[in-house]
Amino acid sequence: MRRTLRTALVAIPFVCLLGSLLFQRAHPGTPPVSPAATGHATIEPGLPLRIDLTVRDDRPGSGDPARVEAVIDAADDLRAVSLEWIFPEGVRQDAVEDSSPAVMHLRSGERRVLNVPVRATRQADLPIRLEASFQVADGRWFRTQQGVLWRRGPKAPEGRHHSGAFEVNGVPVSEPLP
């Protein structure tokens, strides 16, 4: 009993000293977080072009026109921004001159809003996409896309949502596995 108490009295300060040495910074002059990591809100770098799509469906009857609104924001100066609308089968675009300019240049902080009138020939969930390619000031090219789902007709039944959890198929314990 006394031997255990003596061992504990010697071991506890030793463990505390060892723990404090392990959790100290390696170099006291350096900051705990790198300077490059403190300037960004996210881990991955963001693109300097942001696209937001919404469908404005004021009259939900079949064949009535709706509008797809694209809001394009530039965080940096962008050259040669080209846009291409991709519509699924069953959606046709009404002719509008400013719906997709051939090539445009955007300044830092500039915002453009494009409205495209569309008509649906059937009732379904219709995915609409807008692809964009652009060149940044240092000469690099990027390509990105954004999509929106245009829901036409009756709403589909809700599915099962697992909220990111894993689903494991199990068997009763009484049944042996092969």
N, C-alpha and C. Protein backbone atom coordinates (compact mmCIF):
# COMPACT_ATOMS: atom_id res chain seq x y z
N MET A 1 0.82 -1.19 0.00
CA MET A 1 0.00 0.00 0.00
C MET A 1 0.86 1.25 0.00
N ARG A 2 1.92 1.26 0.88
CA ARG A 2 2.79 2.44 0.94
C ARG A 2 3.60 2.58 -0.34
N ARG A 3 3.97 1.47 -0.90
CA ARG A 3 4.76 1.51 -2.13
C ARG A 3 3.94 2.10 -3.26
N THR A 4 2.65 1.76 -3.35
CA THR A 4 1.77 2.30 -4.37
C THR A 4 1.60 3.80 -4.18
N LEU A 5 1.45 4.24 -2.96
CA LEU A 5 1.29 5.66 -2.68
C LEU A 5 2.55 6.43 -3.05
N ARG A 6 3.72 5.87 -2.71
CA ARG A 6 4.98 6.53 -3.06
C ARG A 6 5.15 6.61 -4.58
N THR A 7 4.82 5.54 -5.27
CA THR A 7 4.93 5.52 -6.73
C THR A 7 3.99 6.56 -7.34
N ALA A 8 2.80 6.67 -6.83
CA ALA A 8 1.85 7.65 -7.35
C ALA A 8 2.33 9.07 -7.10
N LEU A 9 2.92 9.33 -5.94
CA LEU A 9 3.41 10.67 -5.64
C LEU A 9 4.58 11.06 -6.54
N VAL A 10 5.35 10.12 -6.98
CA VAL A 10 6.46 10.40 -7.90
C VAL A 10 5.95 10.48 -9.34
N ALA A 11 4.99 9.64 -9.71
CA ALA A 11 4.52 9.55 -11.10
C ALA A 11 3.67 10.76 -11.50
N ILE A 12 2.85 11.28 -10.60
CA ILE A 12 1.94 12.38 -10.95
C ILE A 12 2.73 13.63 -11.36
N PRO A 13 3.70 14.10 -10.60
CA PRO A 13 4.46 15.28 -11.08
C PRO A 13 5.23 15.00 -12.37
N PHE A 14 5.74 13.79 -12.53
CA PHE A 14 6.45 13.44 -13.75
C PHE A 14 5.53 13.52 -14.97
N VAL A 15 4.33 13.00 -14.87
CA VAL A 15 3.36 13.03 -15.97
C VAL A 15 2.95 14.47 -16.29
N CYS A 16 2.74 15.29 -15.26
CA CYS A 16 2.38 16.69 -15.47
C CYS A 16 3.49 17.44 -16.19
N LEU A 17 4.74 17.21 -15.79
CA LEU A 17 5.88 17.85 -16.44
C LEU A 17 6.00 17.41 -17.89
N LEU A 18 5.86 16.13 -18.14
CA LEU A 18 5.94 15.60 -19.49
C LEU A 18 4.82 16.15 -20.36
N GLY A 19 3.61 16.23 -19.81
CA GLY A 19 2.47 16.77 -20.57
C GLY A 19 2.65 18.23 -20.93
N SER A 20 3.18 19.01 -20.00
CA SER A 20 3.39 20.44 -20.31
C SER A 20 4.46 20.62 -21.37
N LEU A 21 5.46 19.76 -21.41
CA LEU A 21 6.49 19.85 -22.44
C LEU A 21 5.94 19.44 -23.80
N LEU A 22 5.07 18.46 -23.85
CA LEU A 22 4.53 17.99 -25.13
C LEU A 22 3.59 19.01 -25.77
N PHE A 23 2.87 19.79 -24.99
CA PHE A 23 1.88 20.70 -25.55
C PHE A 23 2.39 22.12 -25.73
N GLN A 24 3.69 22.35 -25.63
CA GLN A 24 4.25 23.66 -25.91
C GLN A 24 4.51 23.78 -27.40
N ARG A 25 4.55 25.04 -27.90
CA ARG A 25 4.88 25.27 -29.30
C ARG A 25 6.34 24.90 -29.53
N ALA A 26 6.62 24.48 -30.76
CA ALA A 26 7.98 24.07 -31.08
C ALA A 26 8.93 25.26 -31.11
N HIS A 27 8.48 26.39 -31.69
CA HIS A 27 9.30 27.58 -31.79
C HIS A 27 8.55 28.74 -31.14
N PRO A 28 9.04 29.28 -30.07
CA PRO A 28 8.30 30.34 -29.37
C PRO A 28 8.11 31.61 -30.19
N GLY A 29 8.94 31.88 -31.20
CA GLY A 29 8.82 33.11 -31.97
C GLY A 29 7.79 33.05 -33.08
N THR A 30 7.28 31.87 -33.44
CA THR A 30 6.34 31.75 -34.55
C THR A 30 4.91 31.78 -34.05
N PRO A 31 3.99 32.31 -34.86
CA PRO A 31 2.59 32.31 -34.44
C PRO A 31 2.02 30.89 -34.50
N PRO A 32 0.98 30.60 -33.71
CA PRO A 32 0.42 29.25 -33.69
C PRO A 32 -0.29 28.89 -34.99
N VAL A 33 -0.77 29.88 -35.77
CA VAL A 33 -1.46 29.63 -37.04
C VAL A 33 -0.68 30.33 -38.13
N SER A 34 -0.54 29.69 -39.28
CA SER A 34 0.23 30.30 -40.36
C SER A 34 -0.45 31.57 -40.85
N PRO A 35 0.31 32.59 -41.31
CA PRO A 35 -0.28 33.83 -41.78
C PRO A 35 -1.18 33.63 -42.98
N ALA A 36 -0.90 32.62 -43.83
CA ALA A 36 -1.73 32.39 -45.01
C ALA A 36 -3.13 31.92 -44.61
N ALA A 37 -3.24 31.19 -43.52
CA ALA A 37 -4.54 30.64 -43.12
C ALA A 37 -5.43 31.68 -42.46
N THR A 38 -4.86 32.76 -41.92
CA THR A 38 -5.68 33.74 -41.21
C THR A 38 -6.42 34.68 -42.15
N GLY A 39 -6.01 34.81 -43.41
CA GLY A 39 -6.63 35.75 -44.33
C GLY A 39 -7.86 35.20 -45.03
N HIS A 40 -8.14 33.91 -44.92
CA HIS A 40 -9.25 33.30 -45.65
C HIS A 40 -10.32 32.79 -44.69
N ALA A 41 -11.56 32.90 -45.12
CA ALA A 41 -12.66 32.42 -44.29
C ALA A 41 -12.89 30.92 -44.48
N THR A 42 -12.46 30.37 -45.62
CA THR A 42 -12.64 28.95 -45.87
C THR A 42 -11.29 28.30 -46.11
N ILE A 43 -11.26 27.00 -46.08
CA ILE A 43 -10.02 26.28 -46.32
C ILE A 43 -9.67 26.31 -47.80
N GLU A 44 -10.64 26.03 -48.65
CA GLU A 44 -10.38 26.01 -50.08
C GLU A 44 -10.54 27.42 -50.64
N PRO A 45 -9.78 27.75 -51.69
CA PRO A 45 -9.92 29.09 -52.28
C PRO A 45 -11.23 29.18 -53.05
N GLY A 46 -11.85 30.32 -53.03
CA GLY A 46 -13.09 30.53 -53.75
C GLY A 46 -12.83 31.08 -55.13
N LEU A 47 -13.79 30.88 -56.02
CA LEU A 47 -13.68 31.42 -57.36
C LEU A 47 -14.06 32.90 -57.34
N PRO A 48 -13.48 33.70 -58.22
CA PRO A 48 -13.82 35.12 -58.24
C PRO A 48 -15.13 35.42 -58.96
N LEU A 49 -15.85 34.41 -59.39
CA LEU A 49 -17.13 34.59 -60.07
C LEU A 49 -18.20 33.81 -59.33
N ARG A 50 -19.29 34.48 -58.99
CA ARG A 50 -20.40 33.83 -58.28
C ARG A 50 -21.65 33.93 -59.13
N ILE A 51 -22.37 32.81 -59.25
CA ILE A 51 -23.60 32.75 -60.04
C ILE A 51 -24.72 32.27 -59.13
N ASP A 52 -25.81 33.03 -59.08
CA ASP A 52 -27.01 32.63 -58.34
C ASP A 52 -28.16 32.52 -59.34
N LEU A 53 -28.83 31.37 -59.35
CA LEU A 53 -29.95 31.14 -60.27
C LEU A 53 -31.24 30.98 -59.49
N THR A 54 -32.31 31.59 -59.99
CA THR A 54 -33.65 31.40 -59.44
C THR A 54 -34.63 31.34 -60.60
N VAL A 55 -35.71 30.59 -60.38
CA VAL A 55 -36.77 30.50 -61.39
C VAL A 55 -37.96 31.29 -60.86
N ARG A 56 -38.42 32.25 -61.63
CA ARG A 56 -39.60 33.06 -61.30
C ARG A 56 -40.76 32.52 -62.12
N ASP A 57 -41.59 31.74 -61.47
CA ASP A 57 -42.73 31.10 -62.16
C ASP A 57 -44.01 31.72 -61.61
N ASP A 58 -44.43 32.83 -62.21
CA ASP A 58 -45.61 33.55 -61.71
C ASP A 58 -46.91 32.86 -62.09
N ARG A 59 -46.95 32.28 -63.28
CA ARG A 59 -48.16 31.59 -63.74
C ARG A 59 -47.81 30.13 -64.00
N PRO A 60 -48.18 29.24 -63.10
CA PRO A 60 -47.73 27.86 -63.21
C PRO A 60 -48.50 27.00 -64.21
N GLY A 61 -49.32 27.58 -65.08
CA GLY A 61 -50.04 26.79 -66.08
C GLY A 61 -49.09 26.24 -67.12
N SER A 62 -49.52 25.19 -67.83
CA SER A 62 -48.63 24.59 -68.82
C SER A 62 -48.50 25.53 -70.01
N GLY A 63 -47.30 25.71 -70.48
CA GLY A 63 -47.05 26.57 -71.62
C GLY A 63 -46.87 28.03 -71.28
N ASP A 64 -47.20 28.44 -70.05
CA ASP A 64 -47.00 29.83 -69.65
C ASP A 64 -45.51 30.09 -69.47
N PRO A 65 -45.04 31.27 -69.88
CA PRO A 65 -43.61 31.53 -69.73
C PRO A 65 -43.21 31.80 -68.28
N ALA A 66 -42.03 31.38 -67.96
CA ALA A 66 -41.41 31.68 -66.67
C ALA A 66 -40.10 32.38 -66.97
N ARG A 67 -39.43 32.87 -65.94
CA ARG A 67 -38.15 33.53 -66.12
C ARG A 67 -37.10 32.84 -65.26
N VAL A 68 -35.95 32.62 -65.85
CA VAL A 68 -34.80 32.15 -65.09
C VAL A 68 -33.91 33.38 -64.92
N GLU A 69 -33.66 33.73 -63.66
CA GLU A 69 -32.87 34.91 -63.36
C GLU A 69 -31.49 34.47 -62.88
N ALA A 70 -30.45 35.00 -63.55
CA ALA A 70 -29.07 34.72 -63.18
C ALA A 70 -28.43 36.00 -62.67
N VAL A 71 -27.93 35.97 -61.43
CA VAL A 71 -27.21 37.10 -60.86
C VAL A 71 -25.74 36.71 -60.84
N ILE A 72 -24.93 37.50 -61.54
CA ILE A 72 -23.50 37.20 -61.69
C ILE A 72 -22.70 38.28 -60.98
N ASP A 73 -21.91 37.87 -59.98
CA ASP A 73 -21.08 38.79 -59.20
C ASP A 73 -19.61 38.46 -59.45
N ALA A 74 -18.81 39.51 -59.66
CA ALA A 74 -17.37 39.34 -59.87
C ALA A 74 -16.63 39.88 -58.65
N ALA A 75 -15.73 39.07 -58.08
CA ALA A 75 -14.93 39.50 -56.94
C ALA A 75 -13.62 40.14 -57.41
N ASP A 76 -13.16 39.80 -58.60
CA ASP A 76 -11.94 40.36 -59.19
C ASP A 76 -12.24 40.82 -60.61
N ASP A 77 -11.27 41.47 -61.25
CA ASP A 77 -11.41 41.83 -62.66
C ASP A 77 -11.34 40.55 -63.48
N LEU A 78 -12.35 40.33 -64.33
CA LEU A 78 -12.42 39.12 -65.13
C LEU A 78 -12.51 39.50 -66.61
N ARG A 79 -11.77 38.76 -67.42
CA ARG A 79 -11.80 38.99 -68.86
C ARG A 79 -12.41 37.78 -69.54
N ALA A 80 -12.99 38.02 -70.68
CA ALA A 80 -13.52 36.96 -71.55
C ALA A 80 -14.47 36.02 -70.80
N VAL A 81 -15.47 36.59 -70.15
CA VAL A 81 -16.47 35.79 -69.45
C VAL A 81 -17.50 35.36 -70.49
N SER A 82 -17.61 34.05 -70.69
CA SER A 82 -18.60 33.55 -71.64
C SER A 82 -19.58 32.64 -70.89
N LEU A 83 -20.84 32.76 -71.24
CA LEU A 83 -21.91 32.01 -70.56
C LEU A 83 -22.63 31.14 -71.57
N GLU A 84 -23.05 29.97 -71.09
CA GLU A 84 -23.83 29.06 -71.95
C GLU A 84 -24.94 28.43 -71.11
N TRP A 85 -26.17 28.62 -71.57
CA TRP A 85 -27.33 28.02 -70.90
C TRP A 85 -27.49 26.60 -71.38
N ILE A 86 -27.80 25.69 -70.46
CA ILE A 86 -28.06 24.29 -70.81
C ILE A 86 -29.44 23.94 -70.28
N PHE A 87 -30.36 23.71 -71.22
CA PHE A 87 -31.74 23.39 -70.87
C PHE A 87 -32.01 21.92 -71.17
N PRO A 88 -32.78 21.24 -70.32
CA PRO A 88 -33.10 19.83 -70.59
C PRO A 88 -34.17 19.73 -71.68
N GLU A 89 -34.39 18.52 -72.11
CA GLU A 89 -35.46 18.27 -73.09
C GLU A 89 -36.79 18.61 -72.41
N GLY A 90 -37.62 19.35 -73.09
CA GLY A 90 -38.89 19.76 -72.51
C GLY A 90 -38.91 21.21 -72.07
N VAL A 91 -37.77 21.90 -72.19
CA VAL A 91 -37.69 23.33 -71.87
C VAL A 91 -37.12 24.03 -73.09
N ARG A 92 -37.82 25.09 -73.51
CA ARG A 92 -37.29 25.88 -74.62
C ARG A 92 -37.19 27.33 -74.19
N GLN A 93 -36.16 27.97 -74.71
CA GLN A 93 -35.86 29.36 -74.37
C GLN A 93 -36.51 30.27 -75.39
N ASP A 94 -37.22 31.30 -74.92
CA ASP A 94 -37.74 32.32 -75.81
C ASP A 94 -36.59 33.22 -76.21
N ALA A 95 -36.62 33.72 -77.41
CA ALA A 95 -35.52 34.54 -77.94
C ALA A 95 -35.47 35.90 -77.24
N VAL A 96 -34.34 36.17 -76.62
CA VAL A 96 -34.07 37.46 -75.99
C VAL A 96 -32.61 37.80 -76.28
N GLU A 97 -32.35 39.05 -76.63
CA GLU A 97 -30.99 39.44 -77.02
C GLU A 97 -30.00 39.40 -75.87
N ASP A 98 -30.36 39.88 -74.68
CA ASP A 98 -29.41 40.00 -73.59
C ASP A 98 -29.38 38.79 -72.65
N SER A 99 -29.98 37.67 -73.06
CA SER A 99 -30.02 36.51 -72.16
C SER A 99 -28.66 35.86 -71.98
N SER A 100 -27.82 35.93 -73.00
CA SER A 100 -26.49 35.34 -72.88
C SER A 100 -25.55 36.09 -73.82
N PRO A 101 -24.91 37.15 -73.33
CA PRO A 101 -23.98 37.88 -74.18
C PRO A 101 -22.83 36.98 -74.62
N ALA A 102 -22.31 37.23 -75.82
CA ALA A 102 -21.25 36.37 -76.36
C ALA A 102 -20.03 36.35 -75.42
N VAL A 103 -19.43 37.49 -75.21
CA VAL A 103 -18.28 37.60 -74.29
C VAL A 103 -18.42 38.93 -73.57
N MET A 104 -18.18 38.92 -72.26
CA MET A 104 -18.24 40.17 -71.51
C MET A 104 -17.06 40.26 -70.57
N HIS A 105 -16.77 41.48 -70.17
CA HIS A 105 -15.71 41.75 -69.21
C HIS A 105 -16.36 42.30 -67.94
N LEU A 106 -15.92 41.82 -66.80
CA LEU A 106 -16.48 42.27 -65.52
C LEU A 106 -15.38 42.87 -64.66
N ARG A 107 -15.68 43.98 -64.05
CA ARG A 107 -14.73 44.62 -63.13
C ARG A 107 -14.98 44.07 -61.71
N SER A 108 -14.04 44.28 -60.85
CA SER A 108 -14.16 43.83 -59.47
C SER A 108 -15.36 44.49 -58.81
N GLY A 109 -16.24 43.70 -58.21
CA GLY A 109 -17.43 44.21 -57.54
C GLY A 109 -18.61 44.43 -58.45
N GLU A 110 -18.47 44.18 -59.74
CA GLU A 110 -19.57 44.41 -60.69
C GLU A 110 -20.58 43.27 -60.61
N ARG A 111 -21.85 43.62 -60.81
CA ARG A 111 -22.94 42.65 -60.78
C ARG A 111 -23.76 42.79 -62.05
N ARG A 112 -24.07 41.65 -62.67
CA ARG A 112 -24.94 41.63 -63.85
C ARG A 112 -26.12 40.72 -63.55
N VAL A 113 -27.28 41.11 -64.04
CA VAL A 113 -28.48 40.30 -63.89
C VAL A 113 -29.00 39.97 -65.28
N LEU A 114 -29.15 38.67 -65.55
CA LEU A 114 -29.68 38.20 -66.82
C LEU A 114 -31.02 37.53 -66.58
N ASN A 115 -32.01 37.85 -67.43
CA ASN A 115 -33.33 37.22 -67.35
C ASN A 115 -33.59 36.48 -68.64
N VAL A 116 -33.93 35.21 -68.52
CA VAL A 116 -34.20 34.38 -69.69
C VAL A 116 -35.62 33.84 -69.58
N PRO A 117 -36.50 34.21 -70.53
CA PRO A 117 -37.84 33.62 -70.52
C PRO A 117 -37.79 32.19 -71.06
N VAL A 118 -38.42 31.28 -70.34
CA VAL A 118 -38.44 29.87 -70.75
C VAL A 118 -39.87 29.33 -70.69
N ARG A 119 -40.12 28.30 -71.48
CA ARG A 119 -41.41 27.61 -71.48
C ARG A 119 -41.16 26.11 -71.32
N ALA A 120 -42.03 25.49 -70.56
CA ALA A 120 -41.94 24.03 -70.37
C ALA A 120 -43.00 23.36 -71.22
N THR A 121 -42.62 22.30 -71.92
CA THR A 121 -43.57 21.55 -72.73
C THR A 121 -44.16 20.37 -71.99
N ARG A 122 -43.64 20.08 -70.80
CA ARG A 122 -44.16 18.98 -70.00
C ARG A 122 -44.04 19.33 -68.53
N GLN A 123 -44.69 18.53 -67.70
CA GLN A 123 -44.64 18.75 -66.25
C GLN A 123 -43.70 17.73 -65.65
N ALA A 124 -42.64 18.24 -65.05
CA ALA A 124 -41.61 17.38 -64.42
C ALA A 124 -40.67 18.28 -63.63
N ASP A 125 -39.70 17.67 -62.99
CA ASP A 125 -38.63 18.43 -62.35
C ASP A 125 -37.55 18.63 -63.42
N LEU A 126 -37.31 19.88 -63.79
CA LEU A 126 -36.44 20.18 -64.92
C LEU A 126 -35.17 20.90 -64.44
N PRO A 127 -34.00 20.27 -64.60
CA PRO A 127 -32.75 20.91 -64.17
C PRO A 127 -32.25 21.89 -65.24
N ILE A 128 -31.99 23.12 -64.84
CA ILE A 128 -31.47 24.16 -65.74
C ILE A 128 -30.09 24.54 -65.22
N ARG A 129 -29.11 24.65 -66.14
CA ARG A 129 -27.74 24.97 -65.75
C ARG A 129 -27.22 26.16 -66.55
N LEU A 130 -26.29 26.86 -65.93
CA LEU A 130 -25.57 27.93 -66.60
C LEU A 130 -24.08 27.66 -66.41
N GLU A 131 -23.38 27.46 -67.54
CA GLU A 131 -21.94 27.22 -67.50
C GLU A 131 -21.23 28.53 -67.82
N ALA A 132 -20.14 28.80 -67.11
CA ALA A 132 -19.37 30.01 -67.33
C ALA A 132 -17.89 29.66 -67.41
N SER A 133 -17.20 30.28 -68.35
CA SER A 133 -15.74 30.19 -68.40
C SER A 133 -15.21 31.61 -68.42
N PHE A 134 -14.08 31.83 -67.75
CA PHE A 134 -13.55 33.18 -67.64
C PHE A 134 -12.04 33.13 -67.42
N GLN A 135 -11.41 34.29 -67.66
CA GLN A 135 -9.98 34.43 -67.49
C GLN A 135 -9.72 35.48 -66.43
N VAL A 136 -8.84 35.16 -65.47
CA VAL A 136 -8.49 36.11 -64.42
C VAL A 136 -7.32 36.97 -64.90
N ALA A 137 -6.96 37.97 -64.12
CA ALA A 137 -5.95 38.96 -64.53
C ALA A 137 -4.58 38.35 -64.79
N ASP A 138 -4.21 37.27 -64.09
CA ASP A 138 -2.88 36.68 -64.30
C ASP A 138 -2.84 35.69 -65.47
N GLY A 139 -3.95 35.55 -66.20
CA GLY A 139 -3.97 34.73 -67.41
C GLY A 139 -4.54 33.34 -67.25
N ARG A 140 -4.85 32.91 -66.04
CA ARG A 140 -5.40 31.57 -65.84
C ARG A 140 -6.87 31.53 -66.26
N TRP A 141 -7.29 30.39 -66.78
CA TRP A 141 -8.68 30.18 -67.21
C TRP A 141 -9.39 29.29 -66.21
N PHE A 142 -10.66 29.58 -65.95
CA PHE A 142 -11.48 28.76 -65.06
C PHE A 142 -12.81 28.48 -65.74
N ARG A 143 -13.41 27.38 -65.33
CA ARG A 143 -14.73 27.00 -65.85
C ARG A 143 -15.55 26.54 -64.65
N THR A 144 -16.78 27.03 -64.56
CA THR A 144 -17.66 26.66 -63.46
C THR A 144 -19.09 26.58 -63.97
N GLN A 145 -19.98 26.07 -63.15
CA GLN A 145 -21.39 26.00 -63.53
C GLN A 145 -22.26 26.07 -62.28
N GLN A 146 -23.49 26.48 -62.49
CA GLN A 146 -24.47 26.55 -61.41
C GLN A 146 -25.78 26.04 -61.99
N GLY A 147 -26.58 25.40 -61.16
CA GLY A 147 -27.84 24.85 -61.63
C GLY A 147 -28.98 25.15 -60.68
N VAL A 148 -30.18 25.00 -61.21
CA VAL A 148 -31.39 25.18 -60.41
C VAL A 148 -32.41 24.14 -60.92
N LEU A 149 -33.27 23.68 -60.04
CA LEU A 149 -34.29 22.70 -60.40
C LEU A 149 -35.63 23.41 -60.50
N TRP A 150 -36.23 23.38 -61.69
CA TRP A 150 -37.53 24.00 -61.94
C TRP A 150 -38.58 22.91 -61.75
N ARG A 151 -39.34 23.02 -60.68
CA ARG A 151 -40.35 22.01 -60.36
C ARG A 151 -41.66 22.37 -61.04
N ARG A 152 -42.10 21.49 -61.94
CA ARG A 152 -43.35 21.68 -62.67
C ARG A 152 -44.26 20.50 -62.36
N GLY A 153 -45.50 20.76 -62.02
CA GLY A 153 -46.46 19.70 -61.77
C GLY A 153 -46.54 19.32 -60.31
N PRO A 154 -47.15 18.18 -60.04
CA PRO A 154 -47.32 17.77 -58.63
C PRO A 154 -45.98 17.46 -58.00
N LYS A 155 -45.91 17.75 -56.72
CA LYS A 155 -44.68 17.53 -55.97
C LYS A 155 -44.46 16.03 -55.77
N ALA A 156 -43.22 15.61 -55.96
CA ALA A 156 -42.86 14.21 -55.77
C ALA A 156 -42.92 13.87 -54.28
N PRO A 157 -43.22 12.61 -53.95
CA PRO A 157 -43.25 12.24 -52.52
C PRO A 157 -41.86 12.39 -51.90
N GLU A 158 -41.88 12.75 -50.63
CA GLU A 158 -40.62 12.94 -49.91
C GLU A 158 -39.91 11.60 -49.74
N GLY A 159 -38.60 11.63 -49.90
CA GLY A 159 -37.80 10.43 -49.70
C GLY A 159 -37.30 10.35 -48.28
N ARG A 160 -36.47 9.36 -48.03
CA ARG A 160 -35.88 9.22 -46.70
C ARG A 160 -34.62 10.07 -46.64
N HIS A 161 -34.48 10.82 -45.56
CA HIS A 161 -33.31 11.65 -45.37
C HIS A 161 -32.53 11.14 -44.17
N HIS A 162 -31.27 10.85 -44.38
CA HIS A 162 -30.44 10.30 -43.32
C HIS A 162 -29.55 11.34 -42.67
N SER A 163 -29.57 12.55 -43.17
CA SER A 163 -28.78 13.66 -42.61
C SER A 163 -27.30 13.29 -42.51
N GLY A 164 -26.79 12.63 -43.50
CA GLY A 164 -25.37 12.31 -43.52
C GLY A 164 -25.00 11.08 -42.71
N ALA A 165 -25.97 10.41 -42.09
CA ALA A 165 -25.66 9.23 -41.29
C ALA A 165 -25.52 8.01 -42.19
N PHE A 166 -24.80 7.03 -41.71
CA PHE A 166 -24.65 5.80 -42.46
C PHE A 166 -25.85 4.89 -42.20
N GLU A 167 -26.25 4.16 -43.22
CA GLU A 167 -27.32 3.18 -43.07
C GLU A 167 -26.70 1.80 -43.23
N VAL A 168 -26.90 0.96 -42.25
CA VAL A 168 -26.32 -0.37 -42.26
C VAL A 168 -27.44 -1.39 -42.23
N ASN A 169 -27.42 -2.29 -43.20
CA ASN A 169 -28.41 -3.36 -43.21
C ASN A 169 -27.96 -4.43 -42.23
N GLY A 170 -28.80 -4.77 -41.31
CA GLY A 170 -28.46 -5.75 -40.30
C GLY A 170 -29.35 -6.98 -40.38
N VAL A 171 -28.91 -8.03 -39.78
CA VAL A 171 -29.70 -9.25 -39.68
C VAL A 171 -29.85 -9.57 -38.21
N PRO A 172 -30.92 -10.24 -37.85
CA PRO A 172 -31.08 -10.62 -36.45
C PRO A 172 -29.93 -11.52 -35.99
N VAL A 173 -29.61 -11.44 -34.73
CA VAL A 173 -28.51 -12.21 -34.18
C VAL A 173 -28.80 -13.70 -34.27
N SER A 174 -30.07 -14.08 -34.26
CA SER A 174 -30.40 -15.50 -34.31
C SER A 174 -30.09 -16.12 -35.66
N GLU A 175 -29.98 -15.32 -36.72
CA GLU A 175 -29.66 -15.87 -38.04
C GLU A 175 -28.14 -15.81 -38.25
N PRO A 176 -27.52 -16.93 -38.53
CA PRO A 176 -26.07 -16.92 -38.75
C PRO A 176 -25.73 -16.33 -40.12
N LEU A 177 -24.58 -15.70 -40.20
CA LEU A 177 -24.12 -15.16 -41.48
C LEU A 177 -23.47 -16.26 -42.28
N PRO A 178 -23.51 -16.21 -43.61
CA PRO A 178 -22.89 -17.28 -44.44
C PRO A 178 -21.39 -17.29 -44.35
